[in-house]
Amino acid sequence: MLNNIKEDHYCRKGLLIRKSFIHLLLVATVFFLFVTTSIENSKVNASESLISDEPHDVEVVLQRYYLDGEMSEEELEETIWSMEDFWSYYDDWELVDQNQSQIVFQKEVDDISPLLKMHGYFGLSDDGTLRIYNGKPNENNVIQSFYQINTKKLKSQSQELLLKGIPVSTKDQYLEVLKNYQKYAINS
C-alpha cells in the first residue's frame, strides 16, 4: 500500500509538472504570437508612413552662405514619395524651417560666392575701410566691409591697387588679400 501511495504521489506530481510545463508553453506561445504580431503591425505602419500611395509636393528652399557674406537662395519644387529618402538626400543641409508646404534648408559654403567670382573687387572706401565690391570700387555696389586700414602705413602702390580695385575670383585670392591687408588694420 505504501508503494501505491508513493506511485500515486509521483504520478500526481508528474502530472502536475506536465500541466505546469504545458501551461508555461501555452503562455510563451501566446506571448510570442503577440510580440510577433505587434512587430509586424509596427513595420506595416512605419512603411505606410514612409511610403505613401499619394505623393506630397513641397517647396524646398536652399540657402547657401558664403565666406564673403553673400547668401544665395534656390527654390525647388519636390515631390516626396518617401520621407526617409527625402531626409537622406538633404542630410548635409541644416533644417531651418518646415511646414506642410515649404521646407527651408541652410548650408555654409567654404568658398566665395558665384557673384564675387564673376564681379568681385577688393577696394578702399573714402574712410579707408577695406571692402568687397560688385564690380569696380564704387560706394553704391558694396558687398561686404571688413576693417579700417591705416593708409599712412600702407605703401602707395598697395593703396593705388585698392583704389582701382583688386579683382578676386577664387577663395585663395580672397583669403590672400585679407591676410595681406590685415597687418594694416586699425585696432579698435
N, C-alpha and C. Protein backbone atom coordinates (compact mmCIF):
# COMPACT_ATOMS: atom_id res chain seq x y z
N MET A 1 0.81 -1.17 0.00
CA MET A 1 0.00 0.00 0.00
C MET A 1 0.87 1.26 0.00
N LEU A 2 1.95 1.22 0.74
CA LEU A 2 2.87 2.34 0.79
C LEU A 2 3.43 2.60 -0.60
N ASN A 3 3.71 1.54 -1.34
CA ASN A 3 4.21 1.69 -2.70
C ASN A 3 3.17 2.35 -3.59
N ASN A 4 1.91 1.95 -3.42
CA ASN A 4 0.84 2.54 -4.22
C ASN A 4 0.69 4.03 -3.93
N ILE A 5 0.83 4.40 -2.66
CA ILE A 5 0.72 5.82 -2.29
C ILE A 5 1.87 6.59 -2.92
N LYS A 6 3.10 6.03 -2.85
CA LYS A 6 4.26 6.70 -3.44
C LYS A 6 4.09 6.85 -4.94
N GLU A 7 3.63 5.75 -5.60
CA GLU A 7 3.43 5.82 -7.04
C GLU A 7 2.36 6.85 -7.39
N ASP A 8 1.28 6.85 -6.61
CA ASP A 8 0.21 7.80 -6.85
C ASP A 8 0.72 9.24 -6.66
N HIS A 9 1.57 9.43 -5.60
CA HIS A 9 2.14 10.75 -5.35
C HIS A 9 3.02 11.18 -6.51
N TYR A 10 3.86 10.30 -6.98
CA TYR A 10 4.74 10.63 -8.10
C TYR A 10 3.96 10.86 -9.39
N CYS A 11 2.89 10.09 -9.57
CA CYS A 11 2.05 10.28 -10.76
C CYS A 11 1.39 11.65 -10.72
N ARG A 12 0.84 12.00 -9.54
CA ARG A 12 0.22 13.31 -9.42
C ARG A 12 1.25 14.42 -9.60
N LYS A 13 2.43 14.22 -8.98
CA LYS A 13 3.49 15.21 -9.10
C LYS A 13 3.93 15.34 -10.56
N GLY A 14 4.08 14.20 -11.25
CA GLY A 14 4.45 14.21 -12.66
C GLY A 14 3.38 14.87 -13.51
N LEU A 15 2.13 14.57 -13.20
CA LEU A 15 1.02 15.18 -13.92
C LEU A 15 0.99 16.69 -13.67
N LEU A 16 1.24 17.08 -12.43
CA LEU A 16 1.27 18.49 -12.07
C LEU A 16 2.42 19.20 -12.80
N ILE A 17 3.56 18.58 -12.87
CA ILE A 17 4.71 19.16 -13.57
C ILE A 17 4.39 19.27 -15.05
N ARG A 18 3.80 18.20 -15.62
CA ARG A 18 3.45 18.25 -17.04
C ARG A 18 2.42 19.34 -17.30
N LYS A 19 1.43 19.50 -16.41
CA LYS A 19 0.42 20.53 -16.58
C LYS A 19 1.07 21.92 -16.50
N SER A 20 1.98 22.10 -15.57
CA SER A 20 2.68 23.39 -15.43
C SER A 20 3.52 23.67 -16.67
N PHE A 21 4.18 22.65 -17.17
CA PHE A 21 5.00 22.82 -18.36
C PHE A 21 4.13 23.19 -19.57
N ILE A 22 3.03 22.48 -19.73
CA ILE A 22 2.11 22.77 -20.84
C ILE A 22 1.55 24.19 -20.68
N HIS A 23 1.18 24.56 -19.46
CA HIS A 23 0.68 25.91 -19.21
C HIS A 23 1.74 26.96 -19.56
N LEU A 24 2.97 26.73 -19.14
CA LEU A 24 4.08 27.65 -19.44
C LEU A 24 4.32 27.72 -20.94
N LEU A 25 4.27 26.59 -21.61
CA LEU A 25 4.46 26.55 -23.06
C LEU A 25 3.34 27.32 -23.77
N LEU A 26 2.13 27.18 -23.30
CA LEU A 26 0.99 27.88 -23.86
C LEU A 26 1.14 29.40 -23.67
N VAL A 27 1.53 29.84 -22.48
CA VAL A 27 1.73 31.26 -22.20
C VAL A 27 2.84 31.82 -23.09
N ALA A 28 3.94 31.07 -23.22
CA ALA A 28 5.07 31.51 -24.05
C ALA A 28 4.64 31.62 -25.52
N THR A 29 3.82 30.71 -26.00
CA THR A 29 3.36 30.74 -27.39
C THR A 29 2.47 31.97 -27.62
N VAL A 30 1.57 32.22 -26.70
CA VAL A 30 0.68 33.38 -26.83
C VAL A 30 1.51 34.67 -26.81
N PHE A 31 2.48 34.74 -25.90
CA PHE A 31 3.34 35.92 -25.81
C PHE A 31 4.12 36.10 -27.12
N PHE A 32 4.68 35.02 -27.65
CA PHE A 32 5.43 35.07 -28.90
C PHE A 32 4.55 35.58 -30.04
N LEU A 33 3.32 35.06 -30.15
CA LEU A 33 2.40 35.50 -31.18
C LEU A 33 2.04 36.97 -31.02
N PHE A 34 1.85 37.42 -29.79
CA PHE A 34 1.52 38.81 -29.52
C PHE A 34 2.67 39.73 -29.95
N VAL A 35 3.87 39.39 -29.55
CA VAL A 35 5.04 40.21 -29.89
C VAL A 35 5.26 40.22 -31.40
N THR A 36 5.18 39.07 -32.04
CA THR A 36 5.38 38.98 -33.49
C THR A 36 4.34 39.82 -34.23
N THR A 37 3.10 39.72 -33.82
CA THR A 37 2.03 40.49 -34.47
C THR A 37 2.26 41.98 -34.26
N SER A 38 2.66 42.39 -33.06
CA SER A 38 2.91 43.81 -32.78
C SER A 38 4.04 44.34 -33.64
N ILE A 39 5.10 43.55 -33.77
CA ILE A 39 6.24 43.98 -34.59
C ILE A 39 5.83 44.09 -36.05
N GLU A 40 5.10 43.12 -36.55
CA GLU A 40 4.65 43.17 -37.94
C GLU A 40 3.75 44.37 -38.19
N ASN A 41 2.84 44.64 -37.25
CA ASN A 41 1.95 45.80 -37.40
C ASN A 41 2.73 47.10 -37.39
N SER A 42 3.74 47.20 -36.53
CA SER A 42 4.52 48.44 -36.49
C SER A 42 5.35 48.59 -37.75
N LYS A 43 5.81 47.47 -38.32
CA LYS A 43 6.54 47.55 -39.59
C LYS A 43 5.62 48.06 -40.70
N VAL A 44 4.42 47.56 -40.72
CA VAL A 44 3.46 47.99 -41.73
C VAL A 44 3.14 49.47 -41.54
N ASN A 45 2.88 49.89 -40.29
CA ASN A 45 2.56 51.29 -40.04
C ASN A 45 3.73 52.20 -40.39
N ALA A 46 4.96 51.78 -40.05
CA ALA A 46 6.13 52.59 -40.37
C ALA A 46 6.32 52.70 -41.87
N SER A 47 6.16 51.58 -42.57
CA SER A 47 6.35 51.65 -44.02
C SER A 47 5.24 52.44 -44.69
N GLU A 48 4.03 52.39 -44.12
CA GLU A 48 2.94 53.19 -44.68
C GLU A 48 3.23 54.68 -44.52
N SER A 49 3.85 55.06 -43.39
CA SER A 49 4.12 56.48 -43.18
C SER A 49 5.30 56.94 -44.01
N LEU A 50 6.22 56.02 -44.36
CA LEU A 50 7.39 56.41 -45.15
C LEU A 50 7.10 56.43 -46.64
N ILE A 51 6.29 55.50 -47.08
CA ILE A 51 5.98 55.44 -48.50
C ILE A 51 4.47 55.51 -48.64
N SER A 52 4.03 56.49 -49.33
CA SER A 52 2.60 56.70 -49.47
C SER A 52 2.19 56.47 -50.91
N ASP A 53 0.93 56.11 -51.08
CA ASP A 53 0.41 55.99 -52.44
C ASP A 53 0.22 57.38 -53.05
N GLU A 54 0.09 58.37 -52.17
CA GLU A 54 -0.13 59.74 -52.60
C GLU A 54 1.16 60.54 -52.41
N PRO A 55 1.69 61.16 -53.46
CA PRO A 55 2.89 61.98 -53.30
C PRO A 55 2.56 63.27 -52.55
N HIS A 56 3.57 63.83 -51.93
CA HIS A 56 3.39 65.10 -51.22
C HIS A 56 4.32 66.13 -51.87
N ASP A 57 3.74 67.20 -52.41
CA ASP A 57 4.53 68.24 -53.06
C ASP A 57 4.88 69.33 -52.06
N VAL A 58 6.15 69.71 -52.04
CA VAL A 58 6.60 70.80 -51.17
C VAL A 58 7.57 71.69 -51.93
N GLU A 59 7.67 72.92 -51.46
CA GLU A 59 8.67 73.84 -51.97
C GLU A 59 9.88 73.71 -51.06
N VAL A 60 11.04 73.46 -51.65
CA VAL A 60 12.29 73.35 -50.90
C VAL A 60 13.11 74.60 -51.19
N VAL A 61 13.53 75.27 -50.13
CA VAL A 61 14.35 76.47 -50.26
C VAL A 61 15.74 76.13 -49.73
N LEU A 62 16.75 76.31 -50.59
CA LEU A 62 18.14 76.03 -50.22
C LEU A 62 18.88 77.36 -50.09
N GLN A 63 19.34 77.66 -48.88
CA GLN A 63 20.07 78.89 -48.63
C GLN A 63 21.55 78.55 -48.42
N ARG A 64 22.40 79.18 -49.22
CA ARG A 64 23.84 78.96 -49.12
C ARG A 64 24.50 80.24 -48.63
N TYR A 65 25.30 80.14 -47.57
CA TYR A 65 26.02 81.29 -47.03
C TYR A 65 27.51 81.11 -47.36
N TYR A 66 28.08 82.14 -48.00
CA TYR A 66 29.46 82.07 -48.48
C TYR A 66 30.40 82.87 -47.57
N LEU A 67 31.70 82.62 -47.73
CA LEU A 67 32.72 83.30 -46.93
C LEU A 67 32.65 84.82 -47.04
N ASP A 68 32.28 85.33 -48.19
CA ASP A 68 32.26 86.77 -48.42
C ASP A 68 30.99 87.43 -47.90
N GLY A 69 30.16 86.69 -47.20
CA GLY A 69 28.96 87.28 -46.61
C GLY A 69 27.73 87.20 -47.48
N GLU A 70 27.88 86.78 -48.71
CA GLU A 70 26.73 86.66 -49.62
C GLU A 70 25.92 85.42 -49.29
N MET A 71 24.62 85.51 -49.56
CA MET A 71 23.73 84.37 -49.39
C MET A 71 22.96 84.19 -50.69
N SER A 72 22.96 82.97 -51.20
CA SER A 72 22.15 82.68 -52.38
C SER A 72 20.99 81.80 -51.94
N GLU A 73 19.89 81.92 -52.64
CA GLU A 73 18.71 81.15 -52.30
C GLU A 73 18.18 80.50 -53.57
N GLU A 74 17.95 79.22 -53.47
CA GLU A 74 17.42 78.44 -54.60
C GLU A 74 16.11 77.81 -54.16
N GLU A 75 15.08 77.93 -55.00
CA GLU A 75 13.78 77.35 -54.69
C GLU A 75 13.48 76.22 -55.66
N LEU A 76 13.09 75.08 -55.10
CA LEU A 76 12.79 73.89 -55.89
C LEU A 76 11.43 73.35 -55.51
N GLU A 77 10.75 72.74 -56.46
CA GLU A 77 9.52 72.00 -56.16
C GLU A 77 9.90 70.53 -56.10
N GLU A 78 9.58 69.90 -54.98
CA GLU A 78 9.92 68.49 -54.78
C GLU A 78 8.63 67.70 -54.57
N THR A 79 8.60 66.49 -55.12
CA THR A 79 7.53 65.55 -54.84
C THR A 79 8.11 64.47 -53.95
N ILE A 80 7.55 64.33 -52.77
CA ILE A 80 8.07 63.38 -51.78
C ILE A 80 7.22 62.12 -51.78
N TRP A 81 7.85 61.01 -52.10
CA TRP A 81 7.20 59.71 -52.00
C TRP A 81 7.62 59.02 -50.71
N SER A 82 8.87 59.21 -50.34
CA SER A 82 9.41 58.58 -49.14
C SER A 82 10.14 59.64 -48.32
N MET A 83 9.68 59.86 -47.10
CA MET A 83 10.32 60.84 -46.23
C MET A 83 11.74 60.42 -45.90
N GLU A 84 11.94 59.13 -45.74
CA GLU A 84 13.28 58.63 -45.43
C GLU A 84 14.26 58.99 -46.55
N ASP A 85 13.85 58.79 -47.79
CA ASP A 85 14.71 59.15 -48.93
C ASP A 85 14.91 60.66 -49.01
N PHE A 86 13.85 61.40 -48.76
CA PHE A 86 13.93 62.87 -48.81
C PHE A 86 14.94 63.38 -47.80
N TRP A 87 14.84 62.95 -46.53
CA TRP A 87 15.76 63.43 -45.49
C TRP A 87 17.18 62.98 -45.76
N SER A 88 17.37 61.80 -46.29
CA SER A 88 18.74 61.35 -46.57
C SER A 88 19.36 62.15 -47.72
N TYR A 89 18.53 62.61 -48.66
CA TYR A 89 19.03 63.41 -49.78
C TYR A 89 19.57 64.76 -49.29
N TYR A 90 18.91 65.34 -48.28
CA TYR A 90 19.31 66.64 -47.74
C TYR A 90 20.05 66.48 -46.40
N ASP A 91 20.71 65.37 -46.24
CA ASP A 91 21.40 65.04 -44.99
C ASP A 91 22.49 66.06 -44.63
N ASP A 92 23.18 66.62 -45.61
CA ASP A 92 24.27 67.55 -45.32
C ASP A 92 23.80 69.01 -45.22
N TRP A 93 22.50 69.22 -45.17
CA TRP A 93 21.91 70.54 -45.00
C TRP A 93 21.34 70.66 -43.60
N GLU A 94 21.28 71.88 -43.09
CA GLU A 94 20.67 72.14 -41.79
C GLU A 94 19.23 72.61 -41.99
N LEU A 95 18.31 71.94 -41.31
CA LEU A 95 16.90 72.31 -41.39
C LEU A 95 16.69 73.60 -40.61
N VAL A 96 16.09 74.62 -41.25
CA VAL A 96 15.86 75.91 -40.62
C VAL A 96 14.39 76.12 -40.30
N ASP A 97 13.53 75.73 -41.23
CA ASP A 97 12.10 75.94 -41.05
C ASP A 97 11.35 74.88 -41.85
N GLN A 98 10.15 74.53 -41.35
CA GLN A 98 9.37 73.50 -42.05
C GLN A 98 7.90 73.69 -41.74
N ASN A 99 7.10 73.57 -42.77
CA ASN A 99 5.65 73.49 -42.60
C ASN A 99 5.13 72.54 -43.69
N GLN A 100 3.81 72.43 -43.83
CA GLN A 100 3.23 71.48 -44.78
C GLN A 100 3.63 71.75 -46.23
N SER A 101 3.84 73.01 -46.58
CA SER A 101 4.07 73.33 -47.99
C SER A 101 5.50 73.76 -48.30
N GLN A 102 6.32 74.04 -47.27
CA GLN A 102 7.67 74.54 -47.54
C GLN A 102 8.67 74.02 -46.50
N ILE A 103 9.86 73.67 -46.98
CA ILE A 103 10.95 73.25 -46.11
C ILE A 103 12.17 74.09 -46.48
N VAL A 104 12.78 74.73 -45.47
CA VAL A 104 13.92 75.60 -45.71
C VAL A 104 15.17 74.97 -45.10
N PHE A 105 16.20 74.81 -45.95
CA PHE A 105 17.48 74.28 -45.51
C PHE A 105 18.55 75.36 -45.67
N GLN A 106 19.62 75.20 -44.90
CA GLN A 106 20.70 76.17 -44.92
C GLN A 106 22.03 75.43 -44.90
N LYS A 107 23.04 76.04 -45.54
CA LYS A 107 24.37 75.43 -45.56
C LYS A 107 25.41 76.53 -45.65
N GLU A 108 26.51 76.38 -44.89
CA GLU A 108 27.65 77.28 -45.01
C GLU A 108 28.60 76.67 -46.03
N VAL A 109 28.97 77.48 -47.02
CA VAL A 109 29.83 77.01 -48.10
C VAL A 109 31.23 77.57 -47.87
N ASP A 110 32.22 76.71 -47.86
CA ASP A 110 33.60 77.12 -47.64
C ASP A 110 34.22 77.60 -48.95
N ASP A 111 33.64 78.65 -49.49
CA ASP A 111 34.09 79.22 -50.76
C ASP A 111 33.51 80.62 -50.87
N ILE A 112 33.96 81.37 -51.87
CA ILE A 112 33.36 82.68 -52.13
C ILE A 112 32.16 82.48 -53.04
N SER A 113 31.29 83.45 -53.03
CA SER A 113 30.04 83.35 -53.79
C SER A 113 30.28 83.42 -55.30
N PRO A 114 29.37 82.86 -56.08
CA PRO A 114 29.47 82.98 -57.54
C PRO A 114 29.50 84.44 -58.00
N LEU A 115 28.76 85.31 -57.31
CA LEU A 115 28.76 86.74 -57.64
C LEU A 115 30.17 87.32 -57.52
N LEU A 116 30.83 87.00 -56.42
CA LEU A 116 32.18 87.51 -56.20
C LEU A 116 33.16 86.94 -57.22
N LYS A 117 33.01 85.67 -57.55
CA LYS A 117 33.89 85.05 -58.54
C LYS A 117 33.77 85.75 -59.89
N MET A 118 32.58 86.21 -60.23
CA MET A 118 32.36 86.83 -61.54
C MET A 118 32.66 88.33 -61.55
N HIS A 119 32.30 89.04 -60.46
CA HIS A 119 32.36 90.50 -60.49
C HIS A 119 33.06 91.11 -59.28
N GLY A 120 33.71 90.31 -58.46
CA GLY A 120 34.24 90.81 -57.20
C GLY A 120 35.55 91.57 -57.30
N TYR A 121 35.60 92.70 -56.56
CA TYR A 121 36.81 93.51 -56.47
C TYR A 121 36.99 93.95 -55.02
N PHE A 122 38.23 93.84 -54.51
CA PHE A 122 38.55 94.47 -53.24
C PHE A 122 38.83 95.93 -53.54
N GLY A 123 38.45 96.78 -52.61
CA GLY A 123 38.69 98.20 -52.77
C GLY A 123 38.73 98.89 -51.43
N LEU A 124 38.93 100.19 -51.49
CA LEU A 124 39.06 101.01 -50.29
C LEU A 124 38.00 102.10 -50.32
N SER A 125 37.28 102.25 -49.22
CA SER A 125 36.27 103.32 -49.15
C SER A 125 36.96 104.65 -48.84
N ASP A 126 36.20 105.73 -48.86
CA ASP A 126 36.75 107.06 -48.57
C ASP A 126 37.34 107.16 -47.17
N ASP A 127 36.76 106.41 -46.22
CA ASP A 127 37.28 106.45 -44.85
C ASP A 127 38.36 105.41 -44.59
N GLY A 128 38.81 104.71 -45.65
CA GLY A 128 39.91 103.74 -45.52
C GLY A 128 39.48 102.34 -45.11
N THR A 129 38.20 102.00 -45.26
CA THR A 129 37.72 100.66 -44.92
C THR A 129 37.90 99.73 -46.11
N LEU A 130 38.48 98.55 -45.82
CA LEU A 130 38.64 97.54 -46.86
C LEU A 130 37.27 96.93 -47.13
N ARG A 131 36.91 96.89 -48.41
CA ARG A 131 35.59 96.38 -48.80
C ARG A 131 35.69 95.50 -50.04
N ILE A 132 34.63 94.74 -50.23
CA ILE A 132 34.47 93.99 -51.48
C ILE A 132 33.31 94.64 -52.22
N TYR A 133 33.51 94.81 -53.53
CA TYR A 133 32.51 95.47 -54.36
C TYR A 133 32.04 94.54 -55.47
N ASN A 134 30.82 94.77 -55.90
CA ASN A 134 30.29 94.10 -57.07
C ASN A 134 30.69 94.97 -58.26
N GLY A 135 31.82 94.63 -58.87
CA GLY A 135 32.39 95.45 -59.93
C GLY A 135 33.47 96.35 -59.36
N LYS A 136 33.94 97.29 -60.17
CA LYS A 136 34.98 98.23 -59.72
C LYS A 136 34.48 99.00 -58.49
N PRO A 137 35.42 99.38 -57.58
CA PRO A 137 35.01 100.07 -56.35
C PRO A 137 34.14 101.30 -56.59
N ASN A 138 32.99 101.31 -55.91
CA ASN A 138 32.01 102.38 -56.01
C ASN A 138 31.15 102.28 -54.75
N GLU A 139 30.82 103.38 -54.15
CA GLU A 139 30.05 103.36 -52.89
C GLU A 139 28.68 102.69 -53.04
N ASN A 140 28.15 102.61 -54.24
CA ASN A 140 26.82 102.04 -54.45
C ASN A 140 26.80 100.53 -54.62
N ASN A 141 27.96 99.92 -54.75
CA ASN A 141 27.95 98.47 -55.03
C ASN A 141 28.77 97.66 -54.02
N VAL A 142 28.72 98.03 -52.75
CA VAL A 142 29.45 97.33 -51.69
C VAL A 142 28.79 95.99 -51.39
N ILE A 143 29.60 94.95 -51.37
CA ILE A 143 29.10 93.62 -50.97
C ILE A 143 29.34 93.41 -49.48
N GLN A 144 30.58 93.70 -49.03
CA GLN A 144 30.92 93.46 -47.63
C GLN A 144 32.05 94.41 -47.22
N SER A 145 31.98 94.88 -45.97
CA SER A 145 33.04 95.71 -45.39
C SER A 145 33.80 94.90 -44.35
N PHE A 146 35.11 95.14 -44.23
CA PHE A 146 35.92 94.37 -43.30
C PHE A 146 36.45 95.22 -42.14
N TYR A 147 37.52 95.92 -42.35
CA TYR A 147 38.15 96.70 -41.29
C TYR A 147 38.78 97.94 -41.90
N GLN A 148 39.00 98.90 -41.04
CA GLN A 148 39.61 100.15 -41.49
C GLN A 148 41.12 99.96 -41.55
N ILE A 149 41.71 100.48 -42.61
CA ILE A 149 43.15 100.34 -42.84
C ILE A 149 43.84 101.67 -42.51
N ASN A 150 45.00 101.55 -41.88
CA ASN A 150 45.84 102.73 -41.63
C ASN A 150 46.56 103.04 -42.94
N THR A 151 46.01 103.94 -43.72
CA THR A 151 46.55 104.24 -45.05
C THR A 151 47.91 104.93 -44.99
N LYS A 152 48.26 105.51 -43.81
CA LYS A 152 49.57 106.16 -43.67
C LYS A 152 50.68 105.12 -43.68
N LYS A 153 50.40 103.91 -43.18
CA LYS A 153 51.41 102.84 -43.16
C LYS A 153 51.41 102.05 -44.47
N LEU A 154 50.37 102.18 -45.22
CA LEU A 154 50.21 101.45 -46.48
C LEU A 154 51.10 102.03 -47.56
N LYS A 155 51.79 101.18 -48.27
CA LYS A 155 52.63 101.64 -49.39
C LYS A 155 51.73 102.26 -50.45
N SER A 156 52.24 103.27 -51.11
CA SER A 156 51.42 103.98 -52.10
C SER A 156 50.98 103.06 -53.23
N GLN A 157 51.81 102.11 -53.59
CA GLN A 157 51.47 101.16 -54.67
C GLN A 157 50.28 100.29 -54.24
N SER A 158 50.30 99.80 -52.99
CA SER A 158 49.21 98.97 -52.47
C SER A 158 47.92 99.77 -52.37
N GLN A 159 48.04 101.03 -51.94
CA GLN A 159 46.86 101.89 -51.83
C GLN A 159 46.27 102.17 -53.21
N GLU A 160 47.13 102.38 -54.18
CA GLU A 160 46.67 102.64 -55.55
C GLU A 160 45.93 101.42 -56.11
N LEU A 161 46.46 100.22 -55.83
CA LEU A 161 45.79 98.99 -56.27
C LEU A 161 44.38 98.90 -55.70
N LEU A 162 44.25 99.19 -54.40
CA LEU A 162 42.94 99.12 -53.76
C LEU A 162 41.98 100.18 -54.30
N LEU A 163 42.49 101.35 -54.61
CA LEU A 163 41.63 102.41 -55.14
C LEU A 163 41.09 102.05 -56.53
N LYS A 164 41.91 101.37 -57.33
CA LYS A 164 41.48 100.93 -58.66
C LYS A 164 40.59 99.69 -58.56
N GLY A 165 40.90 98.87 -57.55
CA GLY A 165 40.16 97.62 -57.37
C GLY A 165 41.02 96.41 -57.67
N ILE A 166 41.06 95.48 -56.74
CA ILE A 166 41.82 94.23 -56.94
C ILE A 166 40.80 93.14 -57.23
N PRO A 167 40.84 92.59 -58.45
CA PRO A 167 39.86 91.53 -58.78
C PRO A 167 40.10 90.27 -57.94
N VAL A 168 39.02 89.63 -57.60
CA VAL A 168 39.10 88.39 -56.84
C VAL A 168 38.13 87.38 -57.45
N SER A 169 38.67 86.22 -57.83
CA SER A 169 37.80 85.22 -58.47
C SER A 169 37.94 83.83 -57.86
N THR A 170 38.81 83.72 -56.84
CA THR A 170 38.94 82.42 -56.16
C THR A 170 38.99 82.64 -54.65
N LYS A 171 38.73 81.60 -53.92
CA LYS A 171 38.80 81.64 -52.46
C LYS A 171 40.22 81.98 -52.02
N ASP A 172 41.22 81.41 -52.68
CA ASP A 172 42.61 81.66 -52.30
C ASP A 172 42.99 83.13 -52.47
N GLN A 173 42.56 83.75 -53.57
CA GLN A 173 42.82 85.19 -53.77
C GLN A 173 42.14 86.00 -52.68
N TYR A 174 40.92 85.66 -52.39
CA TYR A 174 40.14 86.35 -51.36
C TYR A 174 40.88 86.31 -50.02
N LEU A 175 41.29 85.12 -49.60
CA LEU A 175 41.97 84.95 -48.31
C LEU A 175 43.34 85.64 -48.31
N GLU A 176 44.03 85.59 -49.44
CA GLU A 176 45.35 86.22 -49.53
C GLU A 176 45.26 87.74 -49.38
N VAL A 177 44.29 88.37 -50.04
CA VAL A 177 44.13 89.83 -49.92
C VAL A 177 43.79 90.19 -48.48
N LEU A 178 42.87 89.47 -47.87
CA LEU A 178 42.52 89.75 -46.47
C LEU A 178 43.73 89.62 -45.56
N LYS A 179 44.53 88.59 -45.78
CA LYS A 179 45.72 88.36 -44.96
C LYS A 179 46.75 89.48 -45.18
N ASN A 180 46.98 89.87 -46.43
CA ASN A 180 47.99 90.89 -46.74
C ASN A 180 47.64 92.25 -46.15
N TYR A 181 46.37 92.60 -46.11
CA TYR A 181 45.98 93.92 -45.61
C TYR A 181 45.61 93.92 -44.13
N GLN A 182 45.51 92.74 -43.52
CA GLN A 182 45.19 92.63 -42.09
C GLN A 182 46.25 93.34 -41.23
N LYS A 183 47.50 93.28 -41.65
CA LYS A 183 48.58 93.90 -40.84
C LYS A 183 48.47 95.43 -40.82
N TYR A 184 47.69 96.01 -41.74
CA TYR A 184 47.50 97.46 -41.76
C TYR A 184 46.20 97.89 -41.10
N ALA A 185 45.47 96.91 -40.54
CA ALA A 185 44.18 97.21 -39.90
C ALA A 185 44.37 98.07 -38.66
N ILE A 186 43.47 99.01 -38.48
CA ILE A 186 43.48 99.85 -37.26
C ILE A 186 42.76 99.06 -36.18
N ASN A 187 43.48 98.83 -35.10
CA ASN A 187 42.88 98.08 -33.98
C ASN A 187 41.89 98.95 -33.25
N SER A 188 40.69 98.42 -33.08
CA SER A 188 39.64 99.19 -32.39
C SER A 188 39.67 98.92 -30.92
